[in-house]
C-alpha cells in the first residue's frame, strides 16, 4: 500500500463542530462552524472562518465579538440544523430549543446546553477568498460546572464532544495518552 495524490482541498480532519453565537441577547443568531481553532497562547486567541454570505458574518463584523459554544452528542441535531438554516429567516434558538444565557464580557449570548462557551473579542479580520477569518482574543472560558472534577479541572471525558469529518459528525471521548507520556520516565517500585 502507498499514498495516492489528490488535488488540493480542505481535508484536515477531524475538526470541532461548534455553535457560534453573535449579536445581542435580544437580537442574536447561532450558526454552525467547523473552521475554528486556536491561534495563540499568550494572549489566548482563537479564530472562526465564515463565508461573507452567511447571516452571522455581518453581525460579527459589526459587533466585533462572538461566542464559540462547544457541542456534544446531545447537541448534534441542533448543530447540523443550525448549519443548514439561515438565521435571517428563522430564530434558531427557538426552533432548536436552545437556551440563551448572558455572557460575562460580550453582548452576545452563550448557549446554556453547551458544555463550554468561549467568549471572544475580534482583534483582526483576514479576508482569505471564500472565507473571512475572524481572529479573536479569548475574554472568558465558561464551562458548565457539571464537567469540573474534584480537582477543579475540566473533565473533557464527561462531555461527549463531537467533531466533524468529511461530511459526518463523530463522537469523541476516549483518552489514549497525555502530553509528554512518550518521554515520561517510568516510576520504579521500591520494595521494602
Protein backbone atom coordinates (compact mmCIF):
# COMPACT_ATOMS: atom_id res chain seq x y z
CA UNK A 1 0.00 0.00 0.00
CA UNK A 2 1.14 3.51 -0.74
CA UNK A 3 -0.28 7.01 -0.59
CA UNK A 4 -2.05 8.44 -3.61
CA UNK A 5 -2.23 12.10 -4.65
CA UNK A 6 -5.47 14.11 -4.72
CA UNK A 7 -5.97 17.69 -5.83
CA UNK A 8 -5.61 20.38 -3.10
CA UNK A 9 -8.67 20.71 -0.85
CA UNK A 10 -9.67 21.16 2.77
CA UNK A 11 -9.01 17.75 4.29
CA UNK A 12 -7.62 18.26 7.78
CA UNK A 13 -9.99 16.13 9.83
CA UNK A 14 -11.42 15.76 12.40
CA UNK A 15 -12.23 19.33 13.33
CA UNK A 16 -14.52 20.71 16.04
CA UNK A 17 -18.19 21.25 15.22
CA UNK A 18 -19.22 24.31 17.23
CA UNK A 19 -22.16 26.67 17.54
CA UNK A 20 -21.10 30.31 17.17
CA UNK A 21 -23.40 32.90 18.73
CA UNK A 22 -23.41 36.55 17.78
CA UNK A 23 -25.49 39.71 18.16
CA UNK A 24 -27.20 40.66 21.43
CA UNK A 25 -29.48 38.89 23.89
CA UNK A 26 -32.46 40.49 22.12
CA UNK A 27 -31.30 40.10 18.51
CA UNK A 28 -28.95 37.15 18.23
CA UNK A 29 -28.02 34.39 15.85
CA UNK A 30 -26.42 31.00 16.15
CA UNK A 31 -24.53 29.31 13.32
CA UNK A 32 -22.60 26.10 12.97
CA UNK A 33 -18.90 26.36 12.20
CA UNK A 34 -16.24 23.73 11.79
CA UNK A 35 -13.45 26.06 10.69
CA UNK A 36 -12.32 27.22 14.09
CA UNK A 37 -9.32 26.68 16.31
CA UNK A 38 -6.52 28.04 18.46
CA UNK A 39 -4.01 30.54 17.05
CA UNK A 40 -2.08 31.78 20.10
CA UNK A 41 -1.46 31.09 23.80
CA UNK A 42 -0.42 34.45 25.29
CA UNK A 43 -2.74 36.19 24.88
CA UNK A 44 -5.16 33.31 24.30
CA UNK A 45 -6.54 33.69 20.78
CA UNK A 46 -8.85 31.68 18.54
CA UNK A 47 -10.38 32.07 15.12
CA UNK A 48 -13.54 31.28 13.22
CA UNK A 49 -13.71 31.41 9.42
CA UNK A 50 -17.05 32.40 7.88
CA UNK A 51 -18.30 32.90 4.33
CA UNK A 52 -19.33 36.55 3.70
CA UNK A 53 -22.79 35.45 2.53
CA UNK A 54 -23.60 33.88 5.90
CA UNK A 55 -26.04 35.82 8.09
CA UNK A 56 -23.64 35.85 11.08
CA UNK A 57 -20.83 37.38 9.02
CA UNK A 58 -22.12 40.98 9.12
CA UNK A 59 -23.28 40.64 12.73
CA UNK A 60 -19.79 39.62 13.86
CA UNK A 61 -18.08 42.19 11.63
CA UNK A 62 -20.27 44.97 13.06
CA UNK A 63 -20.09 43.95 16.75
CA UNK A 64 -16.54 42.55 16.70
CA UNK A 65 -17.38 39.74 19.12
CA UNK A 66 -18.78 36.22 19.20
CA UNK A 67 -19.03 33.14 21.42
CA UNK A 68 -17.77 29.68 20.46
CA UNK A 69 -20.03 27.08 22.09
CA UNK A 70 -18.61 23.55 22.06
CA UNK A 71 -21.09 20.86 21.07
CA UNK A 72 -21.73 17.40 22.39
CA UNK A 73 -23.74 14.33 21.45
CA UNK A 74 -26.98 15.86 22.77
CA UNK A 75 -26.45 18.92 20.54
CA UNK A 76 -25.67 17.01 17.32
CA UNK A 77 -29.09 17.51 15.72
CA UNK A 78 -29.15 21.23 16.60
CA UNK A 79 -25.56 21.59 15.36
CA UNK A 80 -26.46 20.15 11.99
CA UNK A 81 -29.77 22.05 11.74
CA UNK A 82 -28.17 25.40 12.59
CA UNK A 83 -25.66 24.77 9.81
CA UNK A 84 -28.25 24.36 7.07
CA UNK A 85 -30.82 27.01 8.07
CA UNK A 86 -30.35 30.77 7.86
CA UNK A 87 -30.82 32.93 10.93
CA UNK A 88 -32.08 35.64 8.61
CA UNK A 89 -35.26 33.58 8.09
CA UNK A 90 -35.72 31.69 11.36
CA UNK A 91 -34.93 32.03 15.08
CA UNK A 92 -32.58 29.09 15.56
CA UNK A 93 -32.59 29.40 19.36
CA UNK A 94 -36.35 29.00 19.41
CA UNK A 95 -36.58 26.23 16.78
CA UNK A 96 -33.83 24.13 18.37
CA UNK A 97 -34.90 24.84 21.98
CA UNK A 98 -31.52 26.36 22.82
CA UNK A 99 -31.37 28.49 25.95
CA UNK A 100 -29.70 31.91 25.77
CA UNK A 101 -27.52 32.82 28.74
CA UNK A 102 -25.98 36.20 29.42
CA UNK A 103 -22.24 36.23 28.78
CA UNK A 104 -19.79 37.85 31.20
CA UNK A 105 -17.77 40.02 28.78
CA UNK A 106 -19.59 40.18 25.43
CA UNK A 107 -23.11 41.24 24.45
CA UNK A 108 -23.97 38.08 22.51
CA UNK A 109 -25.47 35.14 24.40
CA UNK A 110 -23.89 31.85 25.30
CA UNK A 111 -25.78 28.57 24.90
CA UNK A 112 -26.75 27.02 28.24
CA UNK A 113 -26.77 23.48 26.80
CA UNK A 114 -23.15 23.77 25.62
CA UNK A 115 -20.52 22.12 27.85
CA UNK A 116 -18.19 25.11 27.33
CA UNK A 117 -18.71 28.61 25.95
CA UNK A 118 -15.73 30.73 24.92
CA UNK A 119 -16.30 34.50 24.87
CA UNK A 120 -14.27 36.20 22.14
CA UNK A 121 -13.40 39.76 21.07
CA UNK A 122 -12.31 40.18 17.42
CA UNK A 123 -8.84 41.74 17.06
CA UNK A 124 -8.18 41.11 13.36
CA UNK A 125 -10.15 40.26 10.24
CA UNK A 126 -8.41 38.47 7.35
CA UNK A 127 -10.21 38.11 4.04
CA UNK A 128 -8.86 34.91 2.53
CA UNK A 129 -11.05 34.18 -0.50
CA UNK A 130 -14.15 32.03 0.03
CA UNK A 131 -13.98 32.70 3.79
CA UNK A 132 -13.05 35.52 6.13
CA UNK A 133 -11.09 34.66 9.25
CA UNK A 134 -12.09 36.47 12.44
CA UNK A 135 -9.14 36.27 14.83
CA UNK A 136 -10.21 36.95 18.40
CA UNK A 137 -8.82 37.21 21.89
CA UNK A 138 -10.43 34.90 24.42
CA UNK A 139 -12.02 37.01 27.15
CA UNK A 140 -13.55 34.19 29.17
CA UNK A 141 -14.00 30.42 29.20
CA UNK A 142 -17.35 29.44 30.70
CA UNK A 143 -17.58 25.67 31.40
CA UNK A 144 -20.69 24.04 32.81
CA UNK A 145 -19.78 23.15 36.41
CA UNK A 146 -21.05 19.58 35.98
CA UNK A 147 -17.90 18.92 33.90
CA UNK A 148 -15.49 20.14 36.60
CA UNK A 149 -13.87 17.32 38.58
CA UNK A 150 -12.96 17.24 42.27
CA UNK A 151 -9.56 18.83 41.49
CA UNK A 152 -11.25 21.82 39.82
CA UNK A 153 -10.18 20.67 36.36
CA UNK A 154 -12.35 20.48 33.27
CA UNK A 155 -13.09 16.77 32.66
CA UNK A 156 -13.48 16.54 28.90
CA UNK A 157 -14.24 12.80 29.07
CA UNK A 158 -17.68 13.56 30.56
CA UNK A 159 -18.74 15.93 27.76
CA UNK A 160 -19.29 13.56 24.81
CA UNK A 161 -17.94 16.25 22.47
CA UNK A 162 -18.46 15.86 18.74
CA UNK A 163 -16.21 16.55 15.77
CA UNK A 164 -16.84 16.93 12.06
CA UNK A 165 -15.01 14.96 9.37
CA UNK A 166 -15.67 14.66 5.65
CA UNK A 167 -19.42 15.26 5.87
CA UNK A 168 -20.09 13.38 9.13
CA UNK A 169 -20.31 14.02 12.88
CA UNK A 170 -18.26 11.82 15.20
CA UNK A 171 -18.28 11.29 18.94
CA UNK A 172 -15.02 11.96 20.80
CA UNK A 173 -14.04 10.93 24.28
CA UNK A 174 -11.61 8.05 24.71
CA UNK A 175 -8.30 9.21 26.19
CA UNK A 176 -5.38 7.27 24.73
CA UNK A 177 -2.44 9.23 26.16
CA UNK A 178 -1.41 12.54 27.69
CA UNK A 179 1.03 15.26 26.70
CA UNK A 180 4.60 14.06 27.27
CA UNK A 181 3.74 10.43 28.00
CA UNK A 182 6.08 9.25 25.23
CA UNK A 183 9.12 10.63 27.05
CA UNK A 184 7.97 10.28 30.65
CA UNK A 185 10.26 8.25 32.89
CA UNK A 186 8.63 5.20 34.38
CA UNK A 187 8.46 5.03 38.16
CA UNK A 188 10.30 2.19 39.76
CA UNK A 189 8.55 0.28 42.52
CA UNK A 190 10.64 0.23 45.66
CA UNK A 191 10.38 -2.99 47.63
CA UNK A 192 10.84 -2.80 51.38
